[in-house]
Amino acid sequence: MTAIQQTEFRQPGSEKGESGKIFGFPLKGFGLFSSLLLSFASAIITFCLTTMVAIFSLLVWRMAGHAGVDFAMSYRDVGFPASMGVLALALPFFLTLWVRAKFLK
């Protein structure tokens, strides 16, 4: 193999001093703002997706003949608790990644 072919087949992160990646984001240069942004973005995405599934579930329940369905339950009882749970998991996770990237150079 020539030197050019060897550099083409090199694995990502195999260079000396290069850190790994998490979800496509490099740990090197992983700042506080980006960790907070990822934490809150994951919570917002969770809120939207779980609320959508809950609304459609209540819609099917109502179409099955059950009257008096309160669609606010999808936000209050499903979307908000799910997003707070994800936020409670994502904040320590991403902040730990930031601390590791900052102090373990």
C-alpha atoms as a PDB file:
ATOM      1  CA  MET A   1       0.000   0.000   0.000  1.00  0.00           C
ATOM      2  CA  THR A   2       1.207   3.456  -0.761  1.00  0.00           C
ATOM      3  CA  ALA A   3       1.195   6.323   1.715  1.00  0.00           C
ATOM      4  CA  ILE A   4      -1.768   7.943  -0.032  1.00  0.00           C
ATOM      5  CA  GLN A   5      -3.816   4.741   0.177  1.00  0.00           C
ATOM      6  CA  GLN A   6      -2.977   4.368   3.863  1.00  0.00           C
ATOM      7  CA  THR A   7      -4.262   7.857   4.653  1.00  0.00           C
ATOM      8  CA  GLU A   8      -7.478   7.145   2.737  1.00  0.00           C
ATOM      9  CA  PHE A   9      -8.198   4.037   4.835  1.00  0.00           C
ATOM     10  CA  ARG A  10      -7.448   5.643   8.179  1.00  0.00           C
ATOM     11  CA  GLN A  11     -10.233   5.348  10.737  1.00  0.00           C
ATOM     12  CA  PRO A  12     -11.879   8.548  12.005  1.00  0.00           C
ATOM     13  CA  GLY A  13     -10.381   9.555  15.308  1.00  0.00           C
ATOM     14  CA  SER A  14      -7.224   7.550  14.736  1.00  0.00           C
ATOM     15  CA  GLU A  15      -4.997  10.613  14.488  1.00  0.00           C
ATOM     16  CA  LYS A  16      -2.955  11.306  17.545  1.00  0.00           C
ATOM     17  CA  GLY A  17      -4.615  13.790  19.888  1.00  0.00           C
ATOM     18  CA  GLU A  18      -8.008  13.696  18.155  1.00  0.00           C
ATOM     19  CA  SER A  19     -10.932  12.930  20.433  1.00  0.00           C
ATOM     20  CA  GLY A  20     -13.995  10.900  19.532  1.00  0.00           C
ATOM     21  CA  LYS A  21     -17.466  11.981  18.543  1.00  0.00           C
ATOM     22  CA  ILE A  22     -20.842  11.654  20.206  1.00  0.00           C
ATOM     23  CA  PHE A  23     -23.930  11.866  17.970  1.00  0.00           C
ATOM     24  CA  GLY A  24     -21.692  13.320  15.238  1.00  0.00           C
ATOM     25  CA  PHE A  25     -20.466  16.175  17.427  1.00  0.00           C
ATOM     26  CA  PRO A  26     -16.750  16.203  18.182  1.00  0.00           C
ATOM     27  CA  LEU A  27     -15.825  16.141  21.839  1.00  0.00           C
ATOM     28  CA  LYS A  28     -12.909  18.423  21.083  1.00  0.00           C
ATOM     29  CA  GLY A  29     -14.337  21.922  21.142  1.00  0.00           C
ATOM     30  CA  PHE A  30     -17.609  20.764  22.737  1.00  0.00           C
ATOM     31  CA  GLY A  31     -18.640  23.987  24.477  1.00  0.00           C
ATOM     32  CA  LEU A  32     -21.060  24.864  27.228  1.00  0.00           C
ATOM     33  CA  PHE A  33     -23.493  26.550  24.843  1.00  0.00           C
ATOM     34  CA  SER A  34     -23.628  23.558  22.506  1.00  0.00           C
ATOM     35  CA  SER A  35     -24.175  21.142  25.402  1.00  0.00           C
ATOM     36  CA  LEU A  36     -27.050  23.268  26.737  1.00  0.00           C
ATOM     37  CA  LEU A  37     -28.464  23.645  23.236  1.00  0.00           C
ATOM     38  CA  LEU A  38     -28.414  19.897  22.652  1.00  0.00           C
ATOM     39  CA  SER A  39     -30.033  19.229  26.020  1.00  0.00           C
ATOM     40  CA  PHE A  40     -32.923  21.609  25.459  1.00  0.00           C
ATOM     41  CA  ALA A  41     -33.307  20.613  21.809  1.00  0.00           C
ATOM     42  CA  SER A  42     -33.684  16.963  22.779  1.00  0.00           C
ATOM     43  CA  ALA A  43     -36.316  17.922  25.367  1.00  0.00           C
ATOM     44  CA  ILE A  44     -38.258  20.005  22.835  1.00  0.00           C
ATOM     45  CA  ILE A  45     -38.154  17.239  20.225  1.00  0.00           C
ATOM     46  CA  THR A  46     -39.377  14.764  22.840  1.00  0.00           C
ATOM     47  CA  PHE A  47     -42.208  17.104  23.822  1.00  0.00           C
ATOM     48  CA  CYS A  48     -43.336  17.515  20.213  1.00  0.00           C
ATOM     49  CA  LEU A  49     -43.169  13.827  19.326  1.00  0.00           C
ATOM     50  CA  THR A  50     -44.852  12.490  22.453  1.00  0.00           C
ATOM     51  CA  THR A  51     -47.560  15.146  22.283  1.00  0.00           C
ATOM     52  CA  MET A  52     -48.235  14.277  18.642  1.00  0.00           C
ATOM     53  CA  VAL A  53     -48.541  10.571  19.454  1.00  0.00           C
ATOM     54  CA  ALA A  54     -50.819  11.359  22.413  1.00  0.00           C
ATOM     55  CA  ILE A  55     -53.073  13.608  20.314  1.00  0.00           C
ATOM     56  CA  PHE A  56     -53.447  10.965  17.626  1.00  0.00           C
ATOM     57  CA  SER A  57     -54.117   8.324  20.270  1.00  0.00           C
ATOM     58  CA  LEU A  58     -56.852  10.463  21.830  1.00  0.00           C
ATOM     59  CA  LEU A  59     -58.267  11.129  18.376  1.00  0.00           C
ATOM     60  CA  VAL A  60     -58.547   7.391  17.688  1.00  0.00           C
ATOM     61  CA  TRP A  61     -60.082   6.921  21.146  1.00  0.00           C
ATOM     62  CA  ARG A  62     -62.673   9.615  20.389  1.00  0.00           C
ATOM     63  CA  MET A  63     -63.439   8.174  16.951  1.00  0.00           C
ATOM     64  CA  ALA A  64     -64.043   4.802  18.604  1.00  0.00           C
ATOM     65  CA  GLY A  65     -67.105   6.323  20.250  1.00  0.00           C
ATOM     66  CA  HIS A  66     -65.856   7.697  23.556  1.00  0.00           C
ATOM     67  CA  ALA A  67     -67.196  11.197  24.104  1.00  0.00           C
ATOM     68  CA  GLY A  68     -65.779  13.961  26.241  1.00  0.00           C
ATOM     69  CA  VAL A  69     -62.094  13.551  25.441  1.00  0.00           C
ATOM     70  CA  ASP A  70     -59.973  16.419  26.755  1.00  0.00           C
ATOM     71  CA  PHE A  71     -57.068  16.915  24.346  1.00  0.00           C
ATOM     72  CA  ALA A  72     -55.212  19.031  26.898  1.00  0.00           C
ATOM     73  CA  MET A  73     -54.288  15.732  28.556  1.00  0.00           C
ATOM     74  CA  SER A  74     -51.818  15.135  25.730  1.00  0.00           C
ATOM     75  CA  TYR A  75     -49.782  18.188  26.756  1.00  0.00           C
ATOM     76  CA  ARG A  76     -50.278  18.002  30.507  1.00  0.00           C
ATOM     77  CA  ASP A  77     -50.064  14.270  31.139  1.00  0.00           C
ATOM     78  CA  VAL A  78     -47.804  13.040  28.327  1.00  0.00           C
ATOM     79  CA  GLY A  79     -45.744  15.721  26.578  1.00  0.00           C
ATOM     80  CA  PHE A  80     -44.592  17.804  29.527  1.00  0.00           C
ATOM     81  CA  PRO A  81     -43.554  14.912  31.828  1.00  0.00           C
ATOM     82  CA  ALA A  82     -41.738  13.162  28.974  1.00  0.00           C
ATOM     83  CA  SER A  83     -39.811  16.308  28.027  1.00  0.00           C
ATOM     84  CA  MET A  84     -38.875  17.010  31.653  1.00  0.00           C
ATOM     85  CA  GLY A  85     -37.637  13.435  31.996  1.00  0.00           C
ATOM     86  CA  VAL A  86     -35.475  13.745  28.892  1.00  0.00           C
ATOM     87  CA  LEU A  87     -34.182  17.113  30.077  1.00  0.00           C
ATOM     88  CA  ALA A  88     -33.309  15.609  33.468  1.00  0.00           C
ATOM     89  CA  LEU A  89     -31.274  12.923  31.674  1.00  0.00           C
ATOM     90  CA  ALA A  90     -29.804  15.071  28.896  1.00  0.00           C
ATOM     91  CA  LEU A  91     -28.492  17.949  31.011  1.00  0.00           C
ATOM     92  CA  PRO A  92     -26.164  15.837  33.180  1.00  0.00           C
ATOM     93  CA  PHE A  93     -25.133  13.755  30.170  1.00  0.00           C
ATOM     94  CA  PHE A  94     -24.167  16.662  27.921  1.00  0.00           C
ATOM     95  CA  LEU A  95     -22.679  18.694  30.767  1.00  0.00           C
ATOM     96  CA  THR A  96     -20.529  15.691  31.700  1.00  0.00           C
ATOM     97  CA  LEU A  97     -19.342  15.522  28.094  1.00  0.00           C
ATOM     98  CA  TRP A  98     -18.489  19.229  28.233  1.00  0.00           C
ATOM     99  CA  VAL A  99     -16.552  18.824  31.492  1.00  0.00           C
ATOM    100  CA  ARG A 100     -14.670  15.823  30.103  1.00  0.00           C
ATOM    101  CA  ALA A 101     -13.816  17.688  26.899  1.00  0.00           C
ATOM    102  CA  LYS A 102     -12.726  20.780  28.824  1.00  0.00           C
ATOM    103  CA  PHE A 103     -10.620  19.236  31.559  1.00  0.00           C
ATOM    104  CA  LEU A 104      -9.397  15.988  30.005  1.00  0.00           C
ATOM    105  CA  LYS A 105      -7.555  17.393  27.012  1.00  0.00           C
END
